[in-house]
Every structure is written in C-alpha cells, then in structure tokens.
Amino acid sequence: MPDSTRFQQLFAEIDIVASSRFHALQIGDNISSIPMQISNAKNSLPRVELIVIDEWTPSKGQAPRENIEMAQEILELGSDNCSVLILSKSYETQDSAINGPVARGGGKFSEVGAKLWHLTRQRDGNVRHLKTDDELHVLIIENDGFRKRP
C-alpha cells in the first residue's frame, strides 16, 4: 500500500464518489499469480477504468524475466475503457547511443504496444520533465500536484 502522504497527494482532487470506487490490492511475493488476481478483481469490480502497478520490479539491477512477463500480462488486461499504468525507476546507461533514462523492461513493453514515458527530476528541486512519445512537458510540483510551466 502506498504511504499515507503519497496516497493523500494522489487522491486530493478526486471527489468522494469517485474515490469510493478506488480499490487497492495487497499482492504478495508470488509473481506468477498477480495477473490472475488483478484480472479477477477487474472482472468482479464494476467499471474498472484504471489499473496502477507501482514498483513492479526491484529498483536495482536488471528486471527479472518473471517480473517482465508478469507486467506484460497485466498490460494485456487493458482495453479501450481500462488503462494500465505501470511505474518503476528508470536507469542510466553507459551506452553512448542512448541519451537519457532507460525504462526497465522497456523493449519488451514496446513489443506489446505500451507507451513509455519518463518523469525525471531536474536540478531545480521542484521541476520535473515528463517526456512522452513526441513531447517534453516541463512541470512544477506544487502542494496540490503538478502545474505545467508556462
């Protein structure tokens, strides 16, 4: 479960009716059962529109193959009316052909049609860059969330 401060920030602007439809699952260490647990929850809960998986793999070292396979299965649970957001730390590489952060398991996710975005911290403490497929968004973190820099 997310820590209480982070959880409060994520849901600060969501009205009480919408937040009542939020369901969190505490999923154990058995990686192979996670897609089935999420699929069962999605099928039994009404109108699931977003699945968020935070820290799907260890933050250091290479992403284990079983974690990548699990994340790919979860991505396939998405549909036109249900988005899947998978979050993890990226890493820097010594490969001079690659400029900027690298998504953990990114090549495998691209194979299943996932869009890879990077949110990076800048030297200026509250500035973040969100790099999407074809655009760079400069964001400022404020008490009530992100604001796009003019």
N, C-alpha and C. Protein backbone atom coordinates (compact mmCIF):
# COMPACT_ATOMS: atom_id res chain seq x y z
N MET A 1 0.85 -1.18 0.00
CA MET A 1 0.00 0.00 0.00
C MET A 1 0.89 1.24 0.00
N PRO A 2 0.46 2.29 -0.69
CA PRO A 2 1.28 3.49 -0.69
C PRO A 2 1.30 4.13 0.70
N ASP A 3 2.36 4.90 0.97
CA ASP A 3 2.39 5.57 2.27
C ASP A 3 1.28 6.63 2.30
N SER A 4 0.84 6.99 3.49
CA SER A 4 -0.35 7.83 3.64
C SER A 4 -0.19 9.21 3.00
N THR A 5 1.00 9.80 3.07
CA THR A 5 1.21 11.11 2.45
C THR A 5 1.08 11.02 0.94
N ARG A 6 1.73 10.02 0.35
CA ARG A 6 1.67 9.84 -1.10
C ARG A 6 0.23 9.56 -1.55
N PHE A 7 -0.44 8.71 -0.82
CA PHE A 7 -1.82 8.37 -1.15
C PHE A 7 -2.71 9.61 -1.10
N GLN A 8 -2.53 10.43 -0.08
CA GLN A 8 -3.31 11.65 0.07
C GLN A 8 -3.06 12.61 -1.09
N GLN A 9 -1.81 12.73 -1.53
CA GLN A 9 -1.48 13.60 -2.66
C GLN A 9 -2.12 13.08 -3.95
N LEU A 10 -2.08 11.78 -4.15
CA LEU A 10 -2.63 11.21 -5.38
C LEU A 10 -4.13 11.43 -5.50
N PHE A 11 -4.83 11.38 -4.38
CA PHE A 11 -6.29 11.43 -4.42
C PHE A 11 -6.88 12.75 -3.91
N ALA A 12 -6.06 13.77 -3.73
CA ALA A 12 -6.52 15.04 -3.16
C ALA A 12 -7.62 15.70 -3.99
N GLU A 13 -7.56 15.61 -5.30
CA GLU A 13 -8.50 16.32 -6.16
C GLU A 13 -9.66 15.45 -6.65
N ILE A 14 -9.73 14.22 -6.21
CA ILE A 14 -10.79 13.32 -6.67
C ILE A 14 -11.98 13.45 -5.73
N ASP A 15 -13.17 13.62 -6.32
CA ASP A 15 -14.36 13.77 -5.48
C ASP A 15 -14.65 12.47 -4.73
N ILE A 16 -15.41 12.60 -3.66
CA ILE A 16 -15.64 11.48 -2.74
C ILE A 16 -16.33 10.30 -3.42
N VAL A 17 -17.23 10.56 -4.36
CA VAL A 17 -17.92 9.46 -5.05
C VAL A 17 -16.93 8.68 -5.90
N ALA A 18 -16.08 9.40 -6.64
CA ALA A 18 -15.08 8.72 -7.46
C ALA A 18 -14.09 7.95 -6.60
N SER A 19 -13.66 8.54 -5.50
CA SER A 19 -12.68 7.86 -4.65
C SER A 19 -13.28 6.64 -3.97
N SER A 20 -14.59 6.60 -3.82
CA SER A 20 -15.21 5.42 -3.21
C SER A 20 -15.11 4.21 -4.14
N ARG A 21 -14.83 4.45 -5.41
CA ARG A 21 -14.67 3.35 -6.36
C ARG A 21 -13.22 2.88 -6.45
N PHE A 22 -12.35 3.43 -5.62
CA PHE A 22 -10.94 3.02 -5.60
C PHE A 22 -10.80 1.74 -4.80
N HIS A 23 -10.08 0.79 -5.35
CA HIS A 23 -9.83 -0.47 -4.66
C HIS A 23 -8.33 -0.75 -4.72
N ALA A 24 -7.74 -1.05 -3.60
CA ALA A 24 -6.32 -1.39 -3.54
C ALA A 24 -6.18 -2.87 -3.22
N LEU A 25 -5.23 -3.49 -3.86
CA LEU A 25 -4.95 -4.89 -3.59
C LEU A 25 -3.55 -5.00 -3.01
N GLN A 26 -3.42 -5.73 -1.93
CA GLN A 26 -2.10 -6.04 -1.40
C GLN A 26 -1.72 -7.37 -2.01
N ILE A 27 -0.71 -7.35 -2.85
CA ILE A 27 -0.34 -8.56 -3.58
C ILE A 27 0.98 -9.07 -3.02
N GLY A 28 1.03 -10.34 -2.75
CA GLY A 28 2.21 -10.93 -2.13
C GLY A 28 3.37 -11.12 -3.09
N ASP A 29 4.28 -11.99 -2.71
CA ASP A 29 5.50 -12.20 -3.47
C ASP A 29 5.36 -13.21 -4.60
N ASN A 30 4.24 -13.89 -4.70
CA ASN A 30 4.06 -14.88 -5.75
C ASN A 30 3.75 -14.16 -7.07
N ILE A 31 4.79 -13.81 -7.80
CA ILE A 31 4.69 -13.00 -9.02
C ILE A 31 3.74 -13.64 -10.04
N SER A 32 3.80 -14.96 -10.18
CA SER A 32 3.02 -15.62 -11.24
C SER A 32 1.52 -15.49 -11.03
N SER A 33 1.06 -15.27 -9.80
CA SER A 33 -0.38 -15.19 -9.56
C SER A 33 -0.93 -13.76 -9.67
N ILE A 34 -0.06 -12.77 -9.78
CA ILE A 34 -0.51 -11.37 -9.78
C ILE A 34 -1.45 -11.05 -10.94
N PRO A 35 -1.11 -11.42 -12.20
CA PRO A 35 -2.05 -11.10 -13.29
C PRO A 35 -3.44 -11.71 -13.07
N MET A 36 -3.50 -12.94 -12.56
CA MET A 36 -4.79 -13.58 -12.31
C MET A 36 -5.56 -12.83 -11.22
N GLN A 37 -4.86 -12.42 -10.15
CA GLN A 37 -5.52 -11.68 -9.07
C GLN A 37 -6.09 -10.36 -9.60
N ILE A 38 -5.33 -9.67 -10.42
CA ILE A 38 -5.79 -8.40 -10.98
C ILE A 38 -6.94 -8.63 -11.94
N SER A 39 -6.84 -9.66 -12.77
CA SER A 39 -7.92 -9.98 -13.71
C SER A 39 -9.21 -10.31 -12.96
N ASN A 40 -9.11 -11.10 -11.90
CA ASN A 40 -10.29 -11.44 -11.10
C ASN A 40 -10.91 -10.20 -10.48
N ALA A 41 -10.05 -9.32 -9.95
CA ALA A 41 -10.56 -8.08 -9.34
C ALA A 41 -11.22 -7.21 -10.40
N LYS A 42 -10.59 -7.10 -11.57
CA LYS A 42 -11.15 -6.28 -12.66
C LYS A 42 -12.52 -6.81 -13.08
N ASN A 43 -12.65 -8.12 -13.17
CA ASN A 43 -13.91 -8.72 -13.61
C ASN A 43 -15.00 -8.65 -12.55
N SER A 44 -14.63 -8.62 -11.28
CA SER A 44 -15.65 -8.62 -10.23
C SER A 44 -16.02 -7.23 -9.73
N LEU A 45 -15.17 -6.24 -9.99
CA LEU A 45 -15.46 -4.87 -9.55
C LEU A 45 -16.09 -4.09 -10.70
N PRO A 46 -17.09 -3.29 -10.42
CA PRO A 46 -17.77 -2.57 -11.50
C PRO A 46 -16.92 -1.44 -12.09
N ARG A 47 -16.98 -1.32 -13.38
CA ARG A 47 -16.43 -0.17 -14.13
C ARG A 47 -14.97 0.16 -13.80
N VAL A 48 -14.10 -0.82 -13.80
CA VAL A 48 -12.68 -0.56 -13.59
C VAL A 48 -12.15 0.18 -14.82
N GLU A 49 -11.60 1.38 -14.60
CA GLU A 49 -11.09 2.19 -15.70
C GLU A 49 -9.59 2.37 -15.67
N LEU A 50 -8.96 2.06 -14.54
CA LEU A 50 -7.52 2.26 -14.42
C LEU A 50 -6.93 1.22 -13.48
N ILE A 51 -5.87 0.59 -13.94
CA ILE A 51 -5.09 -0.33 -13.10
C ILE A 51 -3.71 0.30 -12.97
N VAL A 52 -3.25 0.49 -11.73
CA VAL A 52 -1.93 1.07 -11.48
C VAL A 52 -1.09 0.04 -10.73
N ILE A 53 0.08 -0.24 -11.27
CA ILE A 53 1.03 -1.13 -10.61
C ILE A 53 2.26 -0.29 -10.31
N ASP A 54 2.57 -0.14 -9.03
CA ASP A 54 3.72 0.67 -8.62
C ASP A 54 4.86 -0.25 -8.20
N GLU A 55 6.05 0.10 -8.61
CA GLU A 55 7.26 -0.65 -8.26
C GLU A 55 7.11 -2.13 -8.60
N TRP A 56 6.91 -2.41 -9.88
CA TRP A 56 6.67 -3.77 -10.34
C TRP A 56 7.94 -4.63 -10.34
N THR A 57 9.09 -4.01 -10.16
CA THR A 57 10.35 -4.75 -10.18
C THR A 57 11.33 -4.12 -9.20
N PRO A 58 12.32 -4.86 -8.73
CA PRO A 58 13.31 -4.25 -7.84
C PRO A 58 13.95 -3.01 -8.49
N SER A 59 14.31 -2.03 -7.67
CA SER A 59 14.81 -0.77 -8.22
C SER A 59 16.27 -0.83 -8.64
N LYS A 60 16.95 -1.89 -8.32
CA LYS A 60 18.36 -2.02 -8.72
C LYS A 60 18.56 -3.32 -9.48
N GLY A 61 19.53 -3.30 -10.37
CA GLY A 61 19.84 -4.49 -11.15
C GLY A 61 18.87 -4.67 -12.30
N GLN A 62 19.10 -5.70 -13.05
CA GLN A 62 18.26 -6.00 -14.20
C GLN A 62 16.89 -6.48 -13.74
N ALA A 63 15.85 -6.05 -14.45
CA ALA A 63 14.50 -6.51 -14.12
C ALA A 63 14.42 -8.01 -14.37
N PRO A 64 14.03 -8.80 -13.37
CA PRO A 64 13.93 -10.25 -13.57
C PRO A 64 12.92 -10.60 -14.67
N ARG A 65 13.23 -11.65 -15.41
CA ARG A 65 12.38 -12.09 -16.52
C ARG A 65 10.95 -12.32 -16.07
N GLU A 66 10.77 -12.96 -14.89
CA GLU A 66 9.40 -13.25 -14.43
C GLU A 66 8.63 -11.97 -14.11
N ASN A 67 9.32 -10.92 -13.67
CA ASN A 67 8.65 -9.64 -13.42
C ASN A 67 8.22 -9.00 -14.74
N ILE A 68 9.08 -9.08 -15.76
CA ILE A 68 8.73 -8.52 -17.07
C ILE A 68 7.53 -9.27 -17.65
N GLU A 69 7.54 -10.60 -17.55
CA GLU A 69 6.42 -11.39 -18.07
C GLU A 69 5.13 -11.05 -17.33
N MET A 70 5.22 -10.87 -16.00
CA MET A 70 4.05 -10.51 -15.20
C MET A 70 3.51 -9.15 -15.65
N ALA A 71 4.40 -8.18 -15.84
CA ALA A 71 3.97 -6.84 -16.26
C ALA A 71 3.35 -6.88 -17.65
N GLN A 72 3.91 -7.68 -18.56
CA GLN A 72 3.33 -7.81 -19.90
C GLN A 72 1.91 -8.38 -19.82
N GLU A 73 1.71 -9.38 -18.99
CA GLU A 73 0.36 -9.96 -18.82
C GLU A 73 -0.62 -8.92 -18.30
N ILE A 74 -0.17 -8.10 -17.36
CA ILE A 74 -1.04 -7.06 -16.80
C ILE A 74 -1.36 -6.02 -17.87
N LEU A 75 -0.37 -5.65 -18.69
CA LEU A 75 -0.62 -4.69 -19.76
C LEU A 75 -1.70 -5.20 -20.72
N GLU A 76 -1.71 -6.50 -20.95
CA GLU A 76 -2.70 -7.09 -21.85
C GLU A 76 -4.11 -7.08 -21.26
N LEU A 77 -4.25 -6.80 -19.95
CA LEU A 77 -5.57 -6.69 -19.33
C LEU A 77 -6.25 -5.37 -19.68
N GLY A 78 -5.47 -4.42 -20.18
CA GLY A 78 -6.04 -3.13 -20.57
C GLY A 78 -6.97 -3.28 -21.76
N SER A 79 -7.81 -2.28 -21.95
CA SER A 79 -8.76 -2.29 -23.06
C SER A 79 -9.10 -0.85 -23.39
N ASP A 80 -10.06 -0.65 -24.29
CA ASP A 80 -10.46 0.71 -24.66
C ASP A 80 -10.97 1.49 -23.46
N ASN A 81 -11.60 0.81 -22.51
CA ASN A 81 -12.16 1.52 -21.36
C ASN A 81 -11.42 1.25 -20.05
N CYS A 82 -10.25 0.63 -20.13
CA CYS A 82 -9.44 0.38 -18.94
C CYS A 82 -7.96 0.56 -19.28
N SER A 83 -7.36 1.59 -18.70
CA SER A 83 -5.94 1.85 -18.93
C SER A 83 -5.10 1.16 -17.86
N VAL A 84 -3.87 0.83 -18.22
CA VAL A 84 -2.93 0.22 -17.28
C VAL A 84 -1.71 1.13 -17.19
N LEU A 85 -1.34 1.49 -15.97
CA LEU A 85 -0.18 2.33 -15.71
C LEU A 85 0.78 1.54 -14.84
N ILE A 86 1.98 1.29 -15.36
CA ILE A 86 2.99 0.54 -14.62
C ILE A 86 4.16 1.47 -14.35
N LEU A 87 4.51 1.60 -13.07
CA LEU A 87 5.55 2.55 -12.65
C LEU A 87 6.78 1.82 -12.12
N SER A 88 7.95 2.35 -12.46
CA SER A 88 9.19 1.85 -11.87
C SER A 88 10.28 2.90 -12.05
N LYS A 89 11.37 2.69 -11.36
CA LYS A 89 12.51 3.58 -11.54
C LYS A 89 13.18 3.24 -12.87
N SER A 90 13.69 4.27 -13.55
CA SER A 90 14.46 4.03 -14.76
C SER A 90 15.93 4.00 -14.37
N TYR A 91 16.80 3.87 -15.35
CA TYR A 91 18.23 3.86 -15.06
C TYR A 91 18.99 4.53 -16.18
N GLU A 92 20.21 4.91 -15.89
CA GLU A 92 21.11 5.49 -16.88
C GLU A 92 22.00 4.37 -17.40
N THR A 93 22.43 4.50 -18.65
CA THR A 93 23.31 3.50 -19.23
C THR A 93 24.59 4.16 -19.73
N GLN A 94 25.64 3.38 -19.82
CA GLN A 94 26.91 3.88 -20.35
C GLN A 94 26.93 3.85 -21.87
N ASP A 95 25.90 3.30 -22.49
CA ASP A 95 25.82 3.21 -23.95
C ASP A 95 25.67 4.61 -24.53
N SER A 96 26.67 5.05 -25.29
CA SER A 96 26.65 6.41 -25.84
C SER A 96 25.57 6.60 -26.90
N ALA A 97 25.02 5.52 -27.42
CA ALA A 97 23.95 5.63 -28.42
C ALA A 97 22.61 5.97 -27.77
N ILE A 98 22.53 5.82 -26.46
CA ILE A 98 21.28 6.08 -25.75
C ILE A 98 21.44 7.34 -24.92
N ASN A 99 20.57 8.30 -25.15
CA ASN A 99 20.63 9.57 -24.43
C ASN A 99 19.47 9.64 -23.45
N GLY A 100 19.75 9.76 -22.17
CA GLY A 100 18.70 9.89 -21.18
C GLY A 100 18.38 8.59 -20.48
N PRO A 101 17.31 8.61 -19.68
CA PRO A 101 16.95 7.42 -18.89
C PRO A 101 16.42 6.29 -19.76
N VAL A 102 16.58 5.09 -19.25
CA VAL A 102 16.11 3.89 -19.95
C VAL A 102 15.04 3.23 -19.08
N ALA A 103 13.94 2.84 -19.70
CA ALA A 103 12.86 2.17 -18.97
C ALA A 103 13.25 0.73 -18.67
N ARG A 104 12.96 0.31 -17.46
CA ARG A 104 13.25 -1.08 -17.08
C ARG A 104 12.29 -1.99 -17.83
N GLY A 105 12.82 -2.92 -18.59
CA GLY A 105 12.00 -3.82 -19.39
C GLY A 105 11.36 -3.14 -20.58
N GLY A 106 11.82 -1.95 -20.94
CA GLY A 106 11.18 -1.13 -21.96
C GLY A 106 11.02 -1.78 -23.32
N GLY A 107 12.05 -2.49 -23.78
CA GLY A 107 11.97 -3.14 -25.09
C GLY A 107 10.84 -4.15 -25.14
N LYS A 108 10.69 -4.92 -24.08
CA LYS A 108 9.62 -5.93 -24.03
C LYS A 108 8.24 -5.27 -23.97
N PHE A 109 8.14 -4.13 -23.29
CA PHE A 109 6.86 -3.44 -23.20
C PHE A 109 6.47 -2.85 -24.54
N SER A 110 7.45 -2.36 -25.28
CA SER A 110 7.16 -1.81 -26.61
C SER A 110 6.58 -2.89 -27.52
N GLU A 111 7.04 -4.13 -27.33
CA GLU A 111 6.55 -5.24 -28.15
C GLU A 111 5.05 -5.47 -27.98
N VAL A 112 4.50 -5.14 -26.80
CA VAL A 112 3.07 -5.33 -26.58
C VAL A 112 2.30 -4.02 -26.75
N GLY A 113 2.95 -3.01 -27.34
CA GLY A 113 2.27 -1.76 -27.67
C GLY A 113 2.19 -0.74 -26.55
N ALA A 114 2.98 -0.92 -25.49
CA ALA A 114 2.95 0.04 -24.39
C ALA A 114 3.65 1.33 -24.79
N LYS A 115 3.17 2.43 -24.25
CA LYS A 115 3.82 3.72 -24.43
C LYS A 115 4.73 3.96 -23.24
N LEU A 116 5.97 4.32 -23.50
CA LEU A 116 6.94 4.54 -22.43
C LEU A 116 7.14 6.03 -22.23
N TRP A 117 6.87 6.50 -21.03
CA TRP A 117 7.08 7.90 -20.65
C TRP A 117 8.11 7.94 -19.53
N HIS A 118 8.84 9.05 -19.46
CA HIS A 118 9.84 9.22 -18.40
C HIS A 118 9.57 10.51 -17.65
N LEU A 119 9.50 10.42 -16.34
CA LEU A 119 9.39 11.59 -15.47
C LEU A 119 10.72 11.72 -14.75
N THR A 120 11.44 12.82 -15.01
CA THR A 120 12.77 12.99 -14.43
C THR A 120 12.85 14.25 -13.60
N ARG A 121 13.63 14.17 -12.54
CA ARG A 121 13.88 15.30 -11.65
C ARG A 121 14.98 16.16 -12.26
N GLN A 122 14.80 17.45 -12.19
CA GLN A 122 15.81 18.38 -12.70
C GLN A 122 16.60 18.96 -11.53
N ARG A 123 17.65 19.68 -11.84
CA ARG A 123 18.48 20.28 -10.78
C ARG A 123 17.65 21.21 -9.90
N ASP A 124 16.74 21.97 -10.51
CA ASP A 124 15.84 22.84 -9.75
C ASP A 124 14.87 21.93 -9.02
N GLY A 125 14.90 21.91 -7.70
CA GLY A 125 14.21 20.94 -6.86
C GLY A 125 12.78 20.58 -7.19
N ASN A 126 11.94 21.54 -7.59
CA ASN A 126 10.54 21.20 -7.80
C ASN A 126 10.17 21.10 -9.28
N VAL A 127 11.15 21.05 -10.17
CA VAL A 127 10.89 20.94 -11.61
C VAL A 127 11.08 19.49 -12.04
N ARG A 128 10.12 19.02 -12.84
CA ARG A 128 10.21 17.67 -13.42
C ARG A 128 9.98 17.79 -14.92
N HIS A 129 10.61 16.91 -15.67
CA HIS A 129 10.37 16.80 -17.10
C HIS A 129 9.61 15.51 -17.35
N LEU A 130 8.50 15.61 -18.05
CA LEU A 130 7.73 14.44 -18.46
C LEU A 130 7.92 14.29 -19.96
N LYS A 131 8.65 13.25 -20.35
CA LYS A 131 8.90 13.01 -21.77
C LYS A 131 7.95 11.93 -22.23
N THR A 132 7.05 12.32 -23.14
CA THR A 132 6.11 11.36 -23.72
C THR A 132 6.67 10.94 -25.08
N ASP A 133 5.86 10.28 -25.88
CA ASP A 133 6.33 9.79 -27.17
C ASP A 133 7.00 10.87 -28.01
N ASP A 134 6.36 12.02 -28.09
CA ASP A 134 6.86 13.05 -29.01
C ASP A 134 6.90 14.44 -28.41
N GLU A 135 6.81 14.54 -27.10
CA GLU A 135 6.73 15.86 -26.49
C GLU A 135 7.42 15.87 -25.13
N LEU A 136 7.96 17.04 -24.78
CA LEU A 136 8.56 17.23 -23.47
C LEU A 136 7.71 18.24 -22.72
N HIS A 137 7.20 17.84 -21.56
CA HIS A 137 6.39 18.72 -20.72
C HIS A 137 7.23 19.11 -19.51
N VAL A 138 7.35 20.41 -19.26
CA VAL A 138 8.06 20.89 -18.08
C VAL A 138 7.02 21.15 -17.01
N LEU A 139 7.15 20.46 -15.88
CA LEU A 139 6.15 20.52 -14.81
C LEU A 139 6.78 21.05 -13.53
N ILE A 140 5.97 21.74 -12.75
CA ILE A 140 6.38 22.24 -11.44
C ILE A 140 5.55 21.50 -10.40
N ILE A 141 6.20 20.97 -9.38
CA ILE A 141 5.46 20.32 -8.29
C ILE A 141 5.04 21.39 -7.30
N GLU A 142 3.74 21.39 -7.01
CA GLU A 142 3.19 22.30 -6.01
C GLU A 142 2.49 21.47 -4.94
N ASN A 143 2.00 22.10 -3.91
CA ASN A 143 1.34 21.36 -2.83
C ASN A 143 0.16 20.54 -3.31
N ASP A 144 -0.54 21.02 -4.33
CA ASP A 144 -1.73 20.30 -4.80
C ASP A 144 -1.49 19.54 -6.10
N GLY A 145 -0.24 19.27 -6.45
CA GLY A 145 0.04 18.46 -7.63
C GLY A 145 0.98 19.14 -8.61
N PHE A 146 0.93 18.71 -9.85
CA PHE A 146 1.78 19.26 -10.90
C PHE A 146 1.09 20.43 -11.59
N ARG A 147 1.90 21.39 -12.03
CA ARG A 147 1.42 22.50 -12.86
C ARG A 147 2.38 22.59 -14.03
N LYS A 148 1.83 22.75 -15.23
CA LYS A 148 2.66 22.87 -16.42
C LYS A 148 3.33 24.24 -16.42
N ARG A 149 4.63 24.25 -16.63
CA ARG A 149 5.37 25.52 -16.66
C ARG A 149 4.99 26.27 -17.94
N PRO A 150 4.65 27.57 -17.79
CA PRO A 150 4.26 28.35 -18.99
C PRO A 150 5.43 28.56 -19.93
